Amino acid sequence: SVESAVERISADGGTPLVVAVRDAAGGRVLGVVHLKDVV
C-alpha cells in the first residue's frame, strides 16, 4: 500500500516522504507524507 502511494505521488509530480519508526518491537513503515509544490 505504501509502495503504491509512493508511485502515485511521484507520477502526480509530488514528493513522497516515507515515515518509519524503530523501537523495541522492530522497525516498520507507517506511511507517506505527500509533499507538493502548491500553486
PDB file of all heavy atoms in Angstrom:
ATOM      1  N   SER A   1       0.833  -1.211   0.000  1.00  0.00           N
ATOM      2  CA  SER A   1       0.000   0.000   0.000  1.00  0.00           C
ATOM      3  C   SER A   1       0.867   1.260   0.000  1.00  0.00           C
ATOM      4  O   SER A   1       0.535   2.264  -0.642  1.00  0.00           O
ATOM      5  CB  SER A   1      -0.933   0.010   1.212  1.00  0.00           C
ATOM      6  OG  SER A   1      -0.186   0.031   2.433  1.00  0.00           O
ATOM      7  N   VAL A   2       1.997   1.198   0.715  1.00  0.00           N
ATOM      8  CA  VAL A   2       2.898   2.347   0.752  1.00  0.00           C
ATOM      9  C   VAL A   2       3.619   2.489  -0.593  1.00  0.00           C
ATOM     10  O   VAL A   2       3.791   3.594  -1.109  1.00  0.00           O
ATOM     11  CB  VAL A   2       3.920   2.201   1.898  1.00  0.00           C
ATOM     12  CG1 VAL A   2       4.929   3.349   1.872  1.00  0.00           C
ATOM     13  CG2 VAL A   2       3.210   2.158   3.247  1.00  0.00           C
ATOM     14  N   GLU A   3       4.049   1.358  -1.172  1.00  0.00           N
ATOM     15  CA  GLU A   3       4.693   1.383  -2.482  1.00  0.00           C
ATOM     16  C   GLU A   3       3.770   2.001  -3.521  1.00  0.00           C
ATOM     17  O   GLU A   3       4.173   2.825  -4.358  1.00  0.00           O
ATOM     18  CB  GLU A   3       5.068  -0.037  -2.901  1.00  0.00           C
ATOM     19  CG  GLU A   3       5.771  -0.146  -4.239  1.00  0.00           C
ATOM     20  CD  GLU A   3       7.175   0.424  -4.209  1.00  0.00           C
ATOM     21  OE1 GLU A   3       7.846   0.305  -3.168  1.00  0.00           O
ATOM     22  OE2 GLU A   3       7.581   1.009  -5.228  1.00  0.00           O
ATOM     23  N   SER A   4       2.500   1.634  -3.474  1.00  0.00           N
ATOM     24  CA  SER A   4       1.513   2.180  -4.412  1.00  0.00           C
ATOM     25  C   SER A   4       1.345   3.688  -4.219  1.00  0.00           C
ATOM     26  O   SER A   4       1.250   4.446  -5.196  1.00  0.00           O
ATOM     27  CB  SER A   4       0.172   1.468  -4.208  1.00  0.00           C
ATOM     28  OG  SER A   4      -0.831   2.051  -5.012  1.00  0.00           O
ATOM     29  N   ALA A   5       1.321   4.129  -2.950  1.00  0.00           N
ATOM     30  CA  ALA A   5       1.171   5.562  -2.671  1.00  0.00           C
ATOM     31  C   ALA A   5       2.387   6.343  -3.166  1.00  0.00           C
ATOM     32  O   ALA A   5       2.252   7.436  -3.733  1.00  0.00           O
ATOM     33  CB  ALA A   5       0.976   5.783  -1.175  1.00  0.00           C
ATOM     34  N   VAL A   6       3.595   5.770  -2.976  1.00  0.00           N
ATOM     35  CA  VAL A   6       4.822   6.435  -3.435  1.00  0.00           C
ATOM     36  C   VAL A   6       4.796   6.601  -4.950  1.00  0.00           C
ATOM     37  O   VAL A   6       5.117   7.666  -5.488  1.00  0.00           O
ATOM     38  CB  VAL A   6       6.068   5.631  -2.999  1.00  0.00           C
ATOM     39  CG1 VAL A   6       7.317   6.134  -3.722  1.00  0.00           C
ATOM     40  CG2 VAL A   6       6.256   5.725  -1.494  1.00  0.00           C
ATOM     41  N   GLU A   7       4.400   5.536  -5.668  1.00  0.00           N
ATOM     42  CA  GLU A   7       4.357   5.603  -7.134  1.00  0.00           C
ATOM     43  C   GLU A   7       3.319   6.620  -7.608  1.00  0.00           C
ATOM     44  O   GLU A   7       3.551   7.364  -8.561  1.00  0.00           O
ATOM     45  CB  GLU A   7       4.047   4.219  -7.703  1.00  0.00           C
ATOM     46  CG  GLU A   7       5.178   3.212  -7.488  1.00  0.00           C
ATOM     47  CD  GLU A   7       4.815   1.824  -7.985  1.00  0.00           C
ATOM     48  OE1 GLU A   7       3.633   1.632  -8.370  1.00  0.00           O
ATOM     49  OE2 GLU A   7       5.687   0.937  -7.972  1.00  0.00           O
ATOM     50  N   ARG A   8       2.156   6.641  -6.951  1.00  0.00           N
ATOM     51  CA  ARG A   8       1.091   7.569  -7.353  1.00  0.00           C
ATOM     52  C   ARG A   8       1.508   9.017  -7.127  1.00  0.00           C
ATOM     53  O   ARG A   8       1.297   9.878  -7.988  1.00  0.00           O
ATOM     54  CB  ARG A   8      -0.182   7.260  -6.581  1.00  0.00           C
ATOM     55  CG  ARG A   8      -1.382   8.114  -7.010  1.00  0.00           C
ATOM     56  CD  ARG A   8      -2.637   7.748  -6.247  1.00  0.00           C
ATOM     57  NE  ARG A   8      -2.563   8.099  -4.835  1.00  0.00           N
ATOM     58  CZ  ARG A   8      -2.388   7.227  -3.841  1.00  0.00           C
ATOM     59  NH1 ARG A   8      -2.254   5.937  -4.115  1.00  0.00           N
ATOM     60  NH2 ARG A   8      -2.330   7.632  -2.582  1.00  0.00           N
ATOM     61  N   ILE A   9       2.101   9.305  -5.968  1.00  0.00           N
ATOM     62  CA  ILE A   9       2.535  10.674  -5.654  1.00  0.00           C
ATOM     63  C   ILE A   9       3.617  11.130  -6.629  1.00  0.00           C
ATOM     64  O   ILE A   9       3.597  12.260  -7.130  1.00  0.00           O
ATOM     65  CB  ILE A   9       3.048  10.751  -4.195  1.00  0.00           C
ATOM     66  CG1 ILE A   9       1.876  10.556  -3.224  1.00  0.00           C
ATOM     67  CG2 ILE A   9       3.736  12.093  -3.935  1.00  0.00           C
ATOM     68  CD1 ILE A   9       2.305  10.355  -1.781  1.00  0.00           C
ATOM     69  N   SER A  10       4.563  10.244  -6.941  1.00  0.00           N
ATOM     70  CA  SER A  10       5.630  10.588  -7.886  1.00  0.00           C
ATOM     71  C   SER A  10       5.068  10.856  -9.270  1.00  0.00           C
ATOM     72  O   SER A  10       5.503  11.791  -9.962  1.00  0.00           O
ATOM     73  CB  SER A  10       6.667   9.456  -7.938  1.00  0.00           C
ATOM     74  OG  SER A  10       7.269   9.257  -6.679  1.00  0.00           O
ATOM     75  N   ALA A  11       4.104  10.035  -9.700  1.00  0.00           N
ATOM     76  CA  ALA A  11       3.509  10.220 -11.028  1.00  0.00           C
ATOM     77  C   ALA A  11       2.750  11.534 -11.127  1.00  0.00           C
ATOM     78  O   ALA A  11       2.651  12.126 -12.214  1.00  0.00           O
ATOM     79  CB  ALA A  11       2.579   9.050 -11.337  1.00  0.00           C
ATOM     80  N   ASP A  12       2.221  12.004  -9.998  1.00  0.00           N
ATOM     81  CA  ASP A  12       1.484  13.276  -9.987  1.00  0.00           C
ATOM     82  C   ASP A  12       2.408  14.480  -9.860  1.00  0.00           C
ATOM     83  O   ASP A  12       1.936  15.614  -9.775  1.00  0.00           O
ATOM     84  CB  ASP A  12       0.483  13.297  -8.816  1.00  0.00           C
ATOM     85  CG  ASP A  12      -0.679  12.333  -9.051  1.00  0.00           C
ATOM     86  OD1 ASP A  12      -0.897  11.969 -10.221  1.00  0.00           O
ATOM     87  OD2 ASP A  12      -1.350  11.959  -8.069  1.00  0.00           O
ATOM     88  N   GLY A  13       3.721  14.229  -9.816  1.00  0.00           N
ATOM     89  CA  GLY A  13       4.669  15.334  -9.723  1.00  0.00           C
ATOM     90  C   GLY A  13       4.983  15.759  -8.308  1.00  0.00           C
ATOM     91  O   GLY A  13       5.661  16.762  -8.092  1.00  0.00           O
ATOM     92  N   GLY A  14       4.511  14.978  -7.310  1.00  0.00           N
ATOM     93  CA  GLY A  14       4.787  15.317  -5.922  1.00  0.00           C
ATOM     94  C   GLY A  14       6.031  14.616  -5.404  1.00  0.00           C
ATOM     95  O   GLY A  14       6.712  13.885  -6.122  1.00  0.00           O
ATOM     96  N   THR A  15       6.319  14.851  -4.124  1.00  0.00           N
ATOM     97  CA  THR A  15       7.474  14.224  -3.477  1.00  0.00           C
ATOM     98  C   THR A  15       6.968  13.360  -2.325  1.00  0.00           C
ATOM     99  O   THR A  15       6.369  13.882  -1.382  1.00  0.00           O
ATOM    100  CB  THR A  15       8.443  15.285  -2.931  1.00  0.00           C
ATOM    101  OG1 THR A  15       8.893  16.105  -4.004  1.00  0.00           O
ATOM    102  CG2 THR A  15       9.631  14.629  -2.250  1.00  0.00           C
ATOM    103  N   PRO A  16       7.176  12.021  -2.411  1.00  0.00           N
ATOM    104  CA  PRO A  16       6.743  11.148  -1.305  1.00  0.00           C
ATOM    105  C   PRO A  16       7.792  11.127  -0.199  1.00  0.00           C
ATOM    106  O   PRO A  16       8.978  10.905  -0.454  1.00  0.00           O
ATOM    107  CB  PRO A  16       6.621   9.782  -1.980  1.00  0.00           C
ATOM    108  CG  PRO A  16       7.595   9.829  -3.118  1.00  0.00           C
ATOM    109  CD  PRO A  16       7.694  11.270  -3.556  1.00  0.00           C
ATOM    110  N   LEU A  17       7.376  11.370   1.016  1.00  0.00           N
ATOM    111  CA  LEU A  17       8.280  11.371   2.171  1.00  0.00           C
ATOM    112  C   LEU A  17       7.831  10.225   3.084  1.00  0.00           C
ATOM    113  O   LEU A  17       6.769  10.299   3.716  1.00  0.00           O
ATOM    114  CB  LEU A  17       8.181  12.716   2.892  1.00  0.00           C
ATOM    115  CG  LEU A  17       9.366  13.159   3.753  1.00  0.00           C
ATOM    116  CD1 LEU A  17      10.614  13.324   2.895  1.00  0.00           C
ATOM    117  CD2 LEU A  17       9.028  14.481   4.436  1.00  0.00           C
ATOM    118  N   VAL A  18       8.594   9.161   3.123  1.00  0.00           N
ATOM    119  CA  VAL A  18       8.210   7.967   3.887  1.00  0.00           C
ATOM    120  C   VAL A  18       8.548   8.173   5.364  1.00  0.00           C
ATOM    121  O   VAL A  18       9.639   8.643   5.708  1.00  0.00           O
ATOM    122  CB  VAL A  18       8.937   6.725   3.338  1.00  0.00           C
ATOM    123  CG1 VAL A  18       8.617   5.492   4.197  1.00  0.00           C
ATOM    124  CG2 VAL A  18       8.535   6.478   1.897  1.00  0.00           C
ATOM    125  N   VAL A  19       7.603   7.813   6.237  1.00  0.00           N
ATOM    126  CA  VAL A  19       7.775   7.929   7.690  1.00  0.00           C
ATOM    127  C   VAL A  19       7.882   6.527   8.289  1.00  0.00           C
ATOM    128  O   VAL A  19       7.053   5.651   7.982  1.00  0.00           O
ATOM    129  CB  VAL A  19       6.596   8.691   8.326  1.00  0.00           C
ATOM    130  CG1 VAL A  19       6.775   8.783   9.845  1.00  0.00           C
ATOM    131  CG2 VAL A  19       6.460  10.070   7.713  1.00  0.00           C
ATOM    132  N   ALA A  20       8.899   6.315   9.125  1.00  0.00           N
ATOM    133  CA  ALA A  20       9.099   4.999   9.740  1.00  0.00           C
ATOM    134  C   ALA A  20       9.571   5.158  11.179  1.00  0.00           C
ATOM    135  O   ALA A  20      10.092   6.211  11.565  1.00  0.00           O
ATOM    136  CB  ALA A  20      10.126   4.196   8.941  1.00  0.00           C
ATOM    137  N   VAL A  21       9.379   4.096  11.980  1.00  0.00           N
ATOM    138  CA  VAL A  21       9.845   4.087  13.372  1.00  0.00           C
ATOM    139  C   VAL A  21      10.618   2.796  13.619  1.00  0.00           C
ATOM    140  O   VAL A  21      10.402   1.768  12.973  1.00  0.00           O
ATOM    141  CB  VAL A  21       8.680   4.200  14.381  1.00  0.00           C
ATOM    142  CG1 VAL A  21       7.954   5.513  14.213  1.00  0.00           C
ATOM    143  CG2 VAL A  21       7.731   3.020  14.238  1.00  0.00           C
ATOM    144  N   ARG A  22      11.523   2.884  14.596  1.00  0.00           N
ATOM    145  CA  ARG A  22      12.255   1.689  15.017  1.00  0.00           C
ATOM    146  C   ARG A  22      12.327   1.719  16.543  1.00  0.00           C
ATOM    147  O   ARG A  22      12.809   2.701  17.123  1.00  0.00           O
ATOM    148  CB  ARG A  22      13.654   1.685  14.402  1.00  0.00           C
ATOM    149  CG  ARG A  22      14.378   0.350  14.565  1.00  0.00           C
ATOM    150  CD  ARG A  22      15.561   0.249  13.607  1.00  0.00           C
ATOM    151  NE  ARG A  22      16.530   1.311  13.828  1.00  0.00           N
ATOM    152  CZ  ARG A  22      17.588   1.522  13.040  1.00  0.00           C
ATOM    153  NH1 ARG A  22      17.768   0.764  11.966  1.00  0.00           N
ATOM    154  NH2 ARG A  22      18.444   2.484  13.315  1.00  0.00           N
ATOM    155  N   ASP A  23      11.781   0.669  17.162  1.00  0.00           N
ATOM    156  CA  ASP A  23      11.764   0.587  18.625  1.00  0.00           C
ATOM    157  C   ASP A  23      12.052  -0.838  19.049  1.00  0.00           C
ATOM    158  O   ASP A  23      12.570  -1.644  18.253  1.00  0.00           O
ATOM    159  CB  ASP A  23      10.426   1.090  19.184  1.00  0.00           C
ATOM    160  CG  ASP A  23       9.227   0.392  18.544  1.00  0.00           C
ATOM    161  OD1 ASP A  23       9.420  -0.709  17.984  1.00  0.00           O
ATOM    162  OD2 ASP A  23       8.117   0.941  18.597  1.00  0.00           O
ATOM    163  N   ALA A  24      11.677  -1.149  20.261  1.00  0.00           N
ATOM    164  CA  ALA A  24      11.960  -2.491  20.786  1.00  0.00           C
ATOM    165  C   ALA A  24      11.262  -3.573  19.981  1.00  0.00           C
ATOM    166  O   ALA A  24      11.728  -4.727  19.917  1.00  0.00           O
ATOM    167  CB  ALA A  24      11.534  -2.562  22.259  1.00  0.00           C
ATOM    168  N   ALA A  25      10.138  -3.243  19.369  1.00  0.00           N
ATOM    169  CA  ALA A  25       9.381  -4.226  18.582  1.00  0.00           C
ATOM    170  C   ALA A  25       9.935  -4.395  17.180  1.00  0.00           C
ATOM    171  O   ALA A  25       9.454  -5.220  16.403  1.00  0.00           O
ATOM    172  CB  ALA A  25       7.913  -3.809  18.519  1.00  0.00           C
ATOM    173  N   GLY A  26      10.915  -3.573  16.798  1.00  0.00           N
ATOM    174  CA  GLY A  26      11.483  -3.658  15.459  1.00  0.00           C
ATOM    175  C   GLY A  26      11.178  -2.415  14.642  1.00  0.00           C
ATOM    176  O   GLY A  26      10.573  -1.454  15.121  1.00  0.00           O
ATOM    177  N   GLY A  27      11.574  -2.465  13.387  1.00  0.00           N
ATOM    178  CA  GLY A  27      11.344  -1.322  12.511  1.00  0.00           C
ATOM    179  C   GLY A  27      10.145  -1.541  11.605  1.00  0.00           C
ATOM    180  O   GLY A  27       9.871  -2.666  11.167  1.00  0.00           O
ATOM    181  N   ARG A  28       9.403  -0.480  11.324  1.00  0.00           N
ATOM    182  CA  ARG A  28       8.222  -0.592  10.465  1.00  0.00           C
ATOM    183  C   ARG A  28       7.916   0.753   9.805  1.00  0.00           C
ATOM    184  O   ARG A  28       8.184   1.819  10.360  1.00  0.00           O
ATOM    185  CB  ARG A  28       7.015  -1.081  11.261  1.00  0.00           C
ATOM    186  CG  ARG A  28       6.624  -0.169  12.412  1.00  0.00           C
ATOM    187  CD  ARG A  28       5.631  -0.837  13.352  1.00  0.00           C
ATOM    188  NE  ARG A  28       5.245   0.031  14.462  1.00  0.00           N
ATOM    189  CZ  ARG A  28       5.964   0.228  15.543  1.00  0.00           C
ATOM    190  NH1 ARG A  28       7.138  -0.380  15.673  1.00  0.00           N
ATOM    191  NH2 ARG A  28       5.542   1.022  16.509  1.00  0.00           N
ATOM    192  N   VAL A  29       7.333   0.687   8.627  1.00  0.00           N
ATOM    193  CA  VAL A  29       6.914   1.874   7.879  1.00  0.00           C
ATOM    194  C   VAL A  29       5.486   2.228   8.282  1.00  0.00           C
ATOM    195  O   VAL A  29       4.604   1.352   8.318  1.00  0.00           O
ATOM    196  CB  VAL A  29       6.988   1.618   6.356  1.00  0.00           C
ATOM    197  CG1 VAL A  29       6.409   2.794   5.583  1.00  0.00           C
ATOM    198  CG2 VAL A  29       8.425   1.365   5.927  1.00  0.00           C
ATOM    199  N   LEU A  30       5.255   3.503   8.577  1.00  0.00           N
ATOM    200  CA  LEU A  30       3.917   3.944   8.976  1.00  0.00           C
ATOM    201  C   LEU A  30       3.103   4.484   7.808  1.00  0.00           C
ATOM    202  O   LEU A  30       1.872   4.406   7.809  1.00  0.00           O
ATOM    203  CB  LEU A  30       4.019   5.027  10.059  1.00  0.00           C
ATOM    204  CG  LEU A  30       4.738   4.632  11.353  1.00  0.00           C
ATOM    205  CD1 LEU A  30       4.703   5.779  12.341  1.00  0.00           C
ATOM    206  CD2 LEU A  30       4.118   3.373  11.950  1.00  0.00           C
ATOM    207  N   GLY A  31       3.795   5.074   6.821  1.00  0.00           N
ATOM    208  CA  GLY A  31       3.065   5.649   5.687  1.00  0.00           C
ATOM    209  C   GLY A  31       3.885   6.702   4.971  1.00  0.00           C
ATOM    210  O   GLY A  31       5.110   6.753   5.113  1.00  0.00           O
ATOM    211  N   VAL A  32       3.163   7.550   4.236  1.00  0.00           N
ATOM    212  CA  VAL A  32       3.821   8.535   3.375  1.00  0.00           C
ATOM    213  C   VAL A  32       3.201   9.914   3.598  1.00  0.00           C
ATOM    214  O   VAL A  32       1.979  10.038   3.757  1.00  0.00           O
ATOM    215  CB  VAL A  32       3.678   8.154   1.884  1.00  0.00           C
ATOM    216  CG1 VAL A  32       4.457   9.127   1.004  1.00  0.00           C
ATOM    217  CG2 VAL A  32       4.150   6.738   1.639  1.00  0.00           C
ATOM    218  N   VAL A  33       4.076  10.915   3.627  1.00  0.00           N
ATOM    219  CA  VAL A  33       3.615  12.311   3.604  1.00  0.00           C
ATOM    220  C   VAL A  33       3.746  12.808   2.161  1.00  0.00           C
ATOM    221  O   VAL A  33       4.814  12.678   1.551  1.00  0.00           O
ATOM    222  CB  VAL A  33       4.451  13.202   4.543  1.00  0.00           C
ATOM    223  CG1 VAL A  33       3.966  14.653   4.459  1.00  0.00           C
ATOM    224  CG2 VAL A  33       4.371  12.690   5.970  1.00  0.00           C
ATOM    225  N   HIS A  34       2.669  13.341   1.636  1.00  0.00           N
ATOM    226  CA  HIS A  34       2.665  13.859   0.254  1.00  0.00           C
ATOM    227  C   HIS A  34       3.100  15.327   0.272  1.00  0.00           C
ATOM    228  O   HIS A  34       2.390  16.192   0.771  1.00  0.00           O
ATOM    229  CB  HIS A  34       1.267  13.736  -0.340  1.00  0.00           C
ATOM    230  CG  HIS A  34       1.184  14.154  -1.781  1.00  0.00           C
ATOM    231  ND1 HIS A  34       0.026  14.046  -2.528  1.00  0.00           N
ATOM    232  CD2 HIS A  34       2.111  14.682  -2.631  1.00  0.00           C
ATOM    233  CE1 HIS A  34       0.245  14.489  -3.753  1.00  0.00           C
ATOM    234  NE2 HIS A  34       1.502  14.882  -3.823  1.00  0.00           N
ATOM    235  N   LEU A  35       4.317  15.575  -0.251  1.00  0.00           N
ATOM    236  CA  LEU A  35       4.800  16.946  -0.401  1.00  0.00           C
ATOM    237  C   LEU A  35       4.585  17.381  -1.845  1.00  0.00           C
ATOM    238  O   LEU A  35       4.851  16.611  -2.775  1.00  0.00           O
ATOM    239  CB  LEU A  35       6.289  17.054  -0.068  1.00  0.00           C
ATOM    240  CG  LEU A  35       6.732  16.753   1.358  1.00  0.00           C
ATOM    241  CD1 LEU A  35       8.239  16.909   1.459  1.00  0.00           C
ATOM    242  CD2 LEU A  35       6.045  17.665   2.351  1.00  0.00           C
ATOM    243  N   LYS A  36       4.142  18.599  -2.036  1.00  0.00           N
ATOM    244  CA  LYS A  36       3.929  19.077  -3.401  1.00  0.00           C
ATOM    245  C   LYS A  36       4.170  20.575  -3.479  1.00  0.00           C
ATOM    246  O   LYS A  36       4.057  21.290  -2.474  1.00  0.00           O
ATOM    247  CB  LYS A  36       2.513  18.755  -3.875  1.00  0.00           C
ATOM    248  CG  LYS A  36       1.422  19.416  -3.046  1.00  0.00           C
ATOM    249  CD  LYS A  36       0.023  19.086  -3.583  1.00  0.00           C
ATOM    250  CE  LYS A  36      -0.235  19.740  -4.908  1.00  0.00           C
ATOM    251  NZ  LYS A  36      -1.631  19.603  -5.351  1.00  0.00           N
ATOM    252  N   ASP A  37       4.532  21.016  -4.670  1.00  0.00           N
ATOM    253  CA  ASP A  37       4.580  22.450  -4.942  1.00  0.00           C
ATOM    254  C   ASP A  37       3.142  22.938  -4.993  1.00  0.00           C
ATOM    255  O   ASP A  37       2.339  22.445  -5.799  1.00  0.00           O
ATOM    256  CB  ASP A  37       5.249  22.721  -6.300  1.00  0.00           C
ATOM    257  CG  ASP A  37       6.738  22.970  -6.150  1.00  0.00           C
ATOM    258  OD1 ASP A  37       7.175  23.190  -5.019  1.00  0.00           O
ATOM    259  OD2 ASP A  37       7.449  22.944  -7.159  1.00  0.00           O
ATOM    260  N   VAL A  38       2.814  23.903  -4.157  1.00  0.00           N
ATOM    261  CA  VAL A  38       1.436  24.393  -4.097  1.00  0.00           C
ATOM    262  C   VAL A  38       1.297  25.601  -5.010  1.00  0.00           C
ATOM    263  O   VAL A  38       2.033  26.590  -4.873  1.00  0.00           O
ATOM    264  CB  VAL A  38       1.056  24.765  -2.644  1.00  0.00           C
ATOM    265  CG1 VAL A  38      -0.365  25.308  -2.594  1.00  0.00           C
ATOM    266  CG2 VAL A  38       1.205  23.546  -1.745  1.00  0.00           C
ATOM    267  N   VAL A  39       0.381  25.494  -5.948  1.00  0.00           N
ATOM    268  CA  VAL A  39       0.128  26.598  -6.873  1.00  0.00           C
ATOM    269  C   VAL A  39      -0.554  27.732  -6.116  1.00  0.00           C
ATOM    270  O   VAL A  39      -1.489  27.504  -5.336  1.00  0.00           O
ATOM    271  CB  VAL A  39      -0.749  26.130  -8.049  1.00  0.00           C
ATOM    272  CG1 VAL A  39      -1.110  27.306  -8.950  1.00  0.00           C
ATOM    273  CG2 VAL A  39      -0.025  25.066  -8.852  1.00  0.00           C
TER     274      VAL A  39
END
